[in-house]
Amino acid sequence: LLRPTAGTIAWRGGNGGSRGRQAMVFQRP
């Protein structure tokens, strides 16, 4: 939902589109 201003987040050896299936539940859905 946010992008790092420095550095990266890697999923399964890849970046960006290699995130797999995710979901998020918030405090106030």
PDB file of all heavy atoms in Angstrom:
ATOM      1  N   LEU A   1       0.827  -1.208   0.000  1.00  0.00           N
ATOM      2  CA  LEU A   1       0.000   0.000   0.000  1.00  0.00           C
ATOM      3  C   LEU A   1       0.862   1.259   0.000  1.00  0.00           C
ATOM      4  O   LEU A   1       0.396   2.335  -0.380  1.00  0.00           O
ATOM      5  CB  LEU A   1      -0.930   0.000   1.215  1.00  0.00           C
ATOM      6  CG  LEU A   1      -1.943  -1.149   1.272  1.00  0.00           C
ATOM      7  CD1 LEU A   1      -2.746  -1.071   2.565  1.00  0.00           C
ATOM      8  CD2 LEU A   1      -2.859  -1.136   0.066  1.00  0.00           C
ATOM      9  N   LEU A   2       2.096   1.123   0.473  1.00  0.00           N
ATOM     10  CA  LEU A   2       3.073   2.208   0.443  1.00  0.00           C
ATOM     11  C   LEU A   2       4.349   1.673  -0.199  1.00  0.00           C
ATOM     12  O   LEU A   2       4.607   0.463  -0.189  1.00  0.00           O
ATOM     13  CB  LEU A   2       3.388   2.711   1.863  1.00  0.00           C
ATOM     14  CG  LEU A   2       2.238   3.309   2.679  1.00  0.00           C
ATOM     15  CD1 LEU A   2       2.692   3.540   4.123  1.00  0.00           C
ATOM     16  CD2 LEU A   2       1.729   4.603   2.061  1.00  0.00           C
ATOM     17  N   ARG A   3       5.149   2.595  -0.738  1.00  0.00           N
ATOM     18  CA  ARG A   3       6.429   2.212  -1.326  1.00  0.00           C
ATOM     19  C   ARG A   3       7.572   2.788  -0.492  1.00  0.00           C
ATOM     20  O   ARG A   3       7.504   3.940  -0.068  1.00  0.00           O
ATOM     21  CB  ARG A   3       6.537   2.731  -2.759  1.00  0.00           C
ATOM     22  CG  ARG A   3       5.603   2.024  -3.725  1.00  0.00           C
ATOM     23  CD  ARG A   3       5.965   2.355  -5.151  1.00  0.00           C
ATOM     24  NE  ARG A   3       5.160   1.609  -6.097  1.00  0.00           N
ATOM     25  CZ  ARG A   3       5.402   1.550  -7.398  1.00  0.00           C
ATOM     26  NH1 ARG A   3       6.433   2.219  -7.893  1.00  0.00           N
ATOM     27  NH2 ARG A   3       4.635   0.847  -8.198  1.00  0.00           N
ATOM     28  N   PRO A   4       8.610   2.000  -0.271  1.00  0.00           N
ATOM     29  CA  PRO A   4       9.760   2.526   0.478  1.00  0.00           C
ATOM     30  C   PRO A   4      10.365   3.731  -0.238  1.00  0.00           C
ATOM     31  O   PRO A   4      10.385   3.783  -1.472  1.00  0.00           O
ATOM     32  CB  PRO A   4      10.741   1.348   0.487  1.00  0.00           C
ATOM     33  CG  PRO A   4       9.934   0.134   0.157  1.00  0.00           C
ATOM     34  CD  PRO A   4       8.814   0.605  -0.707  1.00  0.00           C
ATOM     35  N   THR A   5      10.850   4.683   0.530  1.00  0.00           N
ATOM     36  CA  THR A   5      11.571   5.809  -0.070  1.00  0.00           C
ATOM     37  C   THR A   5      13.040   5.465  -0.263  1.00  0.00           C
ATOM     38  O   THR A   5      13.761   6.178  -0.971  1.00  0.00           O
ATOM     39  CB  THR A   5      11.430   7.067   0.805  1.00  0.00           C
ATOM     40  OG1 THR A   5      11.758   6.745   2.163  1.00  0.00           O
ATOM     41  CG2 THR A   5      10.002   7.590   0.759  1.00  0.00           C
ATOM     42  N   ALA A   6      13.478   4.379   0.347  1.00  0.00           N
ATOM     43  CA  ALA A   6      14.833   3.856   0.120  1.00  0.00           C
ATOM     44  C   ALA A   6      14.796   2.360   0.411  1.00  0.00           C
ATOM     45  O   ALA A   6      14.100   1.910   1.319  1.00  0.00           O
ATOM     46  CB  ALA A   6      15.853   4.545   1.013  1.00  0.00           C
ATOM     47  N   GLY A   7      15.540   1.593  -0.387  1.00  0.00           N
ATOM     48  CA  GLY A   7      15.549   0.154  -0.190  1.00  0.00           C
ATOM     49  C   GLY A   7      14.403  -0.528  -0.919  1.00  0.00           C
ATOM     50  O   GLY A   7      13.616   0.113  -1.623  1.00  0.00           O
ATOM     51  N   THR A   8      14.304  -1.820  -0.759  1.00  0.00           N
ATOM     52  CA  THR A   8      13.301  -2.615  -1.456  1.00  0.00           C
ATOM     53  C   THR A   8      12.696  -3.651  -0.518  1.00  0.00           C
ATOM     54  O   THR A   8      13.254  -3.968   0.531  1.00  0.00           O
ATOM     55  CB  THR A   8      13.913  -3.350  -2.654  1.00  0.00           C
ATOM     56  OG1 THR A   8      14.977  -4.208  -2.190  1.00  0.00           O
ATOM     57  CG2 THR A   8      14.457  -2.377  -3.692  1.00  0.00           C
ATOM     58  N   ILE A   9      11.548  -4.183  -0.961  1.00  0.00           N
ATOM     59  CA  ILE A   9      10.920  -5.323  -0.298  1.00  0.00           C
ATOM     60  C   ILE A   9      10.882  -6.450  -1.320  1.00  0.00           C
ATOM     61  O   ILE A   9      10.336  -6.283  -2.415  1.00  0.00           O
ATOM     62  CB  ILE A   9       9.498  -4.984   0.171  1.00  0.00           C
ATOM     63  CG1 ILE A   9       9.547  -3.847   1.199  1.00  0.00           C
ATOM     64  CG2 ILE A   9       8.822  -6.218   0.768  1.00  0.00           C
ATOM     65  CD1 ILE A   9       8.182  -3.313   1.574  1.00  0.00           C
ATOM     66  N   ALA A  10      11.483  -7.566  -0.994  1.00  0.00           N
ATOM     67  CA  ALA A  10      11.570  -8.698  -1.919  1.00  0.00           C
ATOM     68  C   ALA A  10      10.676  -9.831  -1.442  1.00  0.00           C
ATOM     69  O   ALA A  10      10.619 -10.130  -0.248  1.00  0.00           O
ATOM     70  CB  ALA A  10      13.016  -9.172  -2.035  1.00  0.00           C
ATOM     71  N   TRP A  11       9.994 -10.465  -2.389  1.00  0.00           N
ATOM     72  CA  TRP A  11       9.137 -11.619  -2.110  1.00  0.00           C
ATOM     73  C   TRP A  11       9.590 -12.770  -2.994  1.00  0.00           C
ATOM     74  O   TRP A  11       9.679 -12.639  -4.209  1.00  0.00           O
ATOM     75  CB  TRP A  11       7.681 -11.286  -2.417  1.00  0.00           C
ATOM     76  CG  TRP A  11       7.079 -10.309  -1.454  1.00  0.00           C
ATOM     77  CD1 TRP A  11       7.166  -8.947  -1.496  1.00  0.00           C
ATOM     78  CD2 TRP A  11       6.296 -10.625  -0.310  1.00  0.00           C
ATOM     79  NE1 TRP A  11       6.496  -8.389  -0.446  1.00  0.00           N
ATOM     80  CE2 TRP A  11       5.943  -9.394   0.302  1.00  0.00           C
ATOM     81  CE3 TRP A  11       5.858 -11.820   0.255  1.00  0.00           C
ATOM     82  CZ2 TRP A  11       5.163  -9.335   1.459  1.00  0.00           C
ATOM     83  CZ3 TRP A  11       5.083 -11.754   1.406  1.00  0.00           C
ATOM     84  CH2 TRP A  11       4.743 -10.532   1.990  1.00  0.00           C
ATOM     85  N   ARG A  12       9.888 -13.887  -2.395  1.00  0.00           N
ATOM     86  CA  ARG A  12      10.256 -15.094  -3.130  1.00  0.00           C
ATOM     87  C   ARG A  12      11.388 -14.842  -4.116  1.00  0.00           C
ATOM     88  O   ARG A  12      11.356 -15.287  -5.252  1.00  0.00           O
ATOM     89  CB  ARG A  12       9.045 -15.632  -3.899  1.00  0.00           C
ATOM     90  CG  ARG A  12       7.925 -16.128  -3.014  1.00  0.00           C
ATOM     91  CD  ARG A  12       6.774 -16.593  -3.875  1.00  0.00           C
ATOM     92  NE  ARG A  12       5.755 -17.242  -3.087  1.00  0.00           N
ATOM     93  CZ  ARG A  12       4.619 -17.699  -3.592  1.00  0.00           C
ATOM     94  NH1 ARG A  12       4.382 -17.555  -4.880  1.00  0.00           N
ATOM     95  NH2 ARG A  12       3.728 -18.279  -2.826  1.00  0.00           N
ATOM     96  N   GLY A  13      12.329 -14.081  -3.693  1.00  0.00           N
ATOM     97  CA  GLY A  13      13.471 -13.824  -4.546  1.00  0.00           C
ATOM     98  C   GLY A  13      13.260 -12.778  -5.605  1.00  0.00           C
ATOM     99  O   GLY A  13      14.157 -12.447  -6.367  1.00  0.00           O
ATOM    100  N   GLY A  14      12.047 -12.182  -5.664  1.00  0.00           N
ATOM    101  CA  GLY A  14      11.784 -11.160  -6.669  1.00  0.00           C
ATOM    102  C   GLY A  14      11.280  -9.900  -6.011  1.00  0.00           C
ATOM    103  O   GLY A  14      11.102  -9.832  -4.804  1.00  0.00           O
ATOM    104  N   ASN A  15      11.077  -8.847  -6.798  1.00  0.00           N
ATOM    105  CA  ASN A  15      10.571  -7.583  -6.277  1.00  0.00           C
ATOM    106  C   ASN A  15       9.239  -7.256  -6.931  1.00  0.00           C
ATOM    107  O   ASN A  15       8.878  -7.805  -7.955  1.00  0.00           O
ATOM    108  CB  ASN A  15      11.549  -6.440  -6.571  1.00  0.00           C
ATOM    109  CG  ASN A  15      12.841  -6.589  -5.798  1.00  0.00           C
ATOM    110  OD1 ASN A  15      12.832  -7.047  -4.665  1.00  0.00           O
ATOM    111  ND2 ASN A  15      13.936  -6.207  -6.405  1.00  0.00           N
ATOM    112  N   GLY A  16       8.532  -6.313  -6.318  1.00  0.00           N
ATOM    113  CA  GLY A  16       7.336  -5.754  -6.951  1.00  0.00           C
ATOM    114  C   GLY A  16       6.250  -6.765  -7.173  1.00  0.00           C
ATOM    115  O   GLY A  16       5.443  -7.044  -6.300  1.00  0.00           O
ATOM    116  N   GLY A  17       6.198  -7.357  -8.360  1.00  0.00           N
ATOM    117  CA  GLY A  17       5.072  -8.204  -8.732  1.00  0.00           C
ATOM    118  C   GLY A  17       5.123  -9.602  -8.193  1.00  0.00           C
ATOM    119  O   GLY A  17       4.227 -10.400  -8.480  1.00  0.00           O
ATOM    120  N   SER A  18       6.164  -9.980  -7.438  1.00  0.00           N
ATOM    121  CA  SER A  18       6.284 -11.355  -6.960  1.00  0.00           C
ATOM    122  C   SER A  18       5.739 -11.518  -5.552  1.00  0.00           C
ATOM    123  O   SER A  18       6.277 -12.238  -4.737  1.00  0.00           O
ATOM    124  CB  SER A  18       7.760 -11.778  -7.005  1.00  0.00           C
ATOM    125  OG  SER A  18       8.252 -11.681  -8.307  1.00  0.00           O
ATOM    126  N   ARG A  19       4.654 -10.852  -5.270  1.00  0.00           N
ATOM    127  CA  ARG A  19       4.161 -10.813  -3.891  1.00  0.00           C
ATOM    128  C   ARG A  19       3.330 -12.036  -3.519  1.00  0.00           C
ATOM    129  O   ARG A  19       3.159 -12.326  -2.343  1.00  0.00           O
ATOM    130  CB  ARG A  19       3.327  -9.540  -3.677  1.00  0.00           C
ATOM    131  CG  ARG A  19       4.170  -8.285  -3.697  1.00  0.00           C
ATOM    132  CD  ARG A  19       3.323  -7.047  -3.482  1.00  0.00           C
ATOM    133  NE  ARG A  19       4.159  -5.863  -3.420  1.00  0.00           N
ATOM    134  CZ  ARG A  19       4.813  -5.441  -2.354  1.00  0.00           C
ATOM    135  NH1 ARG A  19       4.702  -6.110  -1.240  1.00  0.00           N
ATOM    136  NH2 ARG A  19       5.559  -4.371  -2.384  1.00  0.00           N
ATOM    137  N   GLY A  20       2.786 -12.748  -4.468  1.00  0.00           N
ATOM    138  CA  GLY A  20       1.939 -13.870  -4.113  1.00  0.00           C
ATOM    139  C   GLY A  20       0.589 -13.399  -3.613  1.00  0.00           C
ATOM    140  O   GLY A  20       0.235 -12.241  -3.729  1.00  0.00           O
ATOM    141  N   ARG A  21      -0.191 -14.316  -3.030  1.00  0.00           N
ATOM    142  CA  ARG A  21      -1.527 -13.980  -2.560  1.00  0.00           C
ATOM    143  C   ARG A  21      -1.447 -13.378  -1.159  1.00  0.00           C
ATOM    144  O   ARG A  21      -0.945 -14.015  -0.245  1.00  0.00           O
ATOM    145  CB  ARG A  21      -2.413 -15.221  -2.545  1.00  0.00           C
ATOM    146  CG  ARG A  21      -2.614 -15.857  -3.922  1.00  0.00           C
ATOM    147  CD  ARG A  21      -3.749 -16.875  -3.900  1.00  0.00           C
ATOM    148  NE  ARG A  21      -3.627 -17.801  -2.797  1.00  0.00           N
ATOM    149  CZ  ARG A  21      -2.907 -18.919  -2.833  1.00  0.00           C
ATOM    150  NH1 ARG A  21      -2.227 -19.230  -3.921  1.00  0.00           N
ATOM    151  NH2 ARG A  21      -2.848 -19.731  -1.789  1.00  0.00           N
ATOM    152  N   GLN A  22      -1.963 -12.170  -1.017  1.00  0.00           N
ATOM    153  CA  GLN A  22      -1.963 -11.485   0.268  1.00  0.00           C
ATOM    154  C   GLN A  22      -3.337 -10.891   0.534  1.00  0.00           C
ATOM    155  O   GLN A  22      -4.109 -10.648  -0.377  1.00  0.00           O
ATOM    156  CB  GLN A  22      -0.974 -10.318   0.257  1.00  0.00           C
ATOM    157  CG  GLN A  22       0.455 -10.687   0.079  1.00  0.00           C
ATOM    158  CD  GLN A  22       1.317  -9.442   0.151  1.00  0.00           C
ATOM    159  OE1 GLN A  22       0.993  -8.484   0.852  1.00  0.00           O
ATOM    160  NE2 GLN A  22       2.395  -9.441  -0.573  1.00  0.00           N
ATOM    161  N   ALA A  23      -3.593 -10.656   1.796  1.00  0.00           N
ATOM    162  CA  ALA A  23      -4.795  -9.921   2.196  1.00  0.00           C
ATOM    163  C   ALA A  23      -4.443  -9.137   3.456  1.00  0.00           C
ATOM    164  O   ALA A  23      -3.489  -9.467   4.167  1.00  0.00           O
ATOM    165  CB  ALA A  23      -5.965 -10.866   2.462  1.00  0.00           C
ATOM    166  N   MET A  24      -5.225  -8.088   3.719  1.00  0.00           N
ATOM    167  CA  MET A  24      -4.998  -7.274   4.911  1.00  0.00           C
ATOM    168  C   MET A  24      -6.326  -6.890   5.524  1.00  0.00           C
ATOM    169  O   MET A  24      -7.273  -6.538   4.814  1.00  0.00           O
ATOM    170  CB  MET A  24      -4.186  -6.019   4.556  1.00  0.00           C
ATOM    171  CG  MET A  24      -3.757  -5.213   5.776  1.00  0.00           C
ATOM    172  SD  MET A  24      -2.461  -4.003   5.360  1.00  0.00           S
ATOM    173  CE  MET A  24      -2.192  -3.258   6.976  1.00  0.00           C
ATOM    174  N   VAL A  25      -6.386  -6.963   6.848  1.00  0.00           N
ATOM    175  CA  VAL A  25      -7.573  -6.562   7.604  1.00  0.00           C
ATOM    176  C   VAL A  25      -7.154  -5.427   8.535  1.00  0.00           C
ATOM    177  O   VAL A  25      -6.172  -5.545   9.266  1.00  0.00           O
ATOM    178  CB  VAL A  25      -8.156  -7.741   8.415  1.00  0.00           C
ATOM    179  CG1 VAL A  25      -9.287  -7.264   9.326  1.00  0.00           C
ATOM    180  CG2 VAL A  25      -8.671  -8.823   7.463  1.00  0.00           C
ATOM    181  N   PHE A  26      -7.921  -4.351   8.495  1.00  0.00           N
ATOM    182  CA  PHE A  26      -7.576  -3.151   9.241  1.00  0.00           C
ATOM    183  C   PHE A  26      -8.341  -3.076  10.561  1.00  0.00           C
ATOM    184  O   PHE A  26      -9.317  -3.789  10.790  1.00  0.00           O
ATOM    185  CB  PHE A  26      -7.882  -1.911   8.398  1.00  0.00           C
ATOM    186  CG  PHE A  26      -7.096  -1.850   7.115  1.00  0.00           C
ATOM    187  CD1 PHE A  26      -7.609  -2.395   5.955  1.00  0.00           C
ATOM    188  CD2 PHE A  26      -5.837  -1.280   7.085  1.00  0.00           C
ATOM    189  CE1 PHE A  26      -6.890  -2.355   4.766  1.00  0.00           C
ATOM    190  CE2 PHE A  26      -5.103  -1.240   5.910  1.00  0.00           C
ATOM    191  CZ  PHE A  26      -5.628  -1.784   4.748  1.00  0.00           C
ATOM    192  N   GLN A  27      -7.887  -2.163  11.404  1.00  0.00           N
ATOM    193  CA  GLN A  27      -8.530  -1.946  12.697  1.00  0.00           C
ATOM    194  C   GLN A  27      -9.994  -1.566  12.527  1.00  0.00           C
ATOM    195  O   GLN A  27     -10.862  -2.023  13.273  1.00  0.00           O
ATOM    196  CB  GLN A  27      -7.776  -0.847  13.445  1.00  0.00           C
ATOM    197  CG  GLN A  27      -8.317  -0.543  14.822  1.00  0.00           C
ATOM    198  CD  GLN A  27      -7.464   0.497  15.534  1.00  0.00           C
ATOM    199  OE1 GLN A  27      -6.275   0.638  15.264  1.00  0.00           O
ATOM    200  NE2 GLN A  27      -8.060   1.226  16.438  1.00  0.00           N
ATOM    201  N   ARG A  28     -10.275  -0.732  11.542  1.00  0.00           N
ATOM    202  CA  ARG A  28     -11.658  -0.357  11.221  1.00  0.00           C
ATOM    203  C   ARG A  28     -11.944  -0.782   9.788  1.00  0.00           C
ATOM    204  O   ARG A  28     -11.695  -0.034   8.839  1.00  0.00           O
ATOM    205  CB  ARG A  28     -11.861   1.154  11.385  1.00  0.00           C
ATOM    206  CG  ARG A  28     -11.713   1.639  12.813  1.00  0.00           C
ATOM    207  CD  ARG A  28     -11.945   3.135  12.916  1.00  0.00           C
ATOM    208  NE  ARG A  28     -11.868   3.611  14.285  1.00  0.00           N
ATOM    209  CZ  ARG A  28     -10.725   3.925  14.910  1.00  0.00           C
ATOM    210  NH1 ARG A  28      -9.574   3.807  14.258  1.00  0.00           N
ATOM    211  NH2 ARG A  28     -10.731   4.349  16.154  1.00  0.00           N
ATOM    212  N   PRO A  29     -12.462  -1.987   9.589  1.00  0.00           N
ATOM    213  CA  PRO A  29     -12.649  -2.493   8.230  1.00  0.00           C
ATOM    214  C   PRO A  29     -13.717  -1.713   7.464  1.00  0.00           C
ATOM    215  O   PRO A  29     -14.688  -1.227   8.043  1.00  0.00           O
ATOM    216  CB  PRO A  29     -13.100  -3.945   8.448  1.00  0.00           C
ATOM    217  CG  PRO A  29     -13.711  -3.948   9.808  1.00  0.00           C
ATOM    218  CD  PRO A  29     -12.925  -2.942  10.609  1.00  0.00           C
TER     219      PRO A  29
END
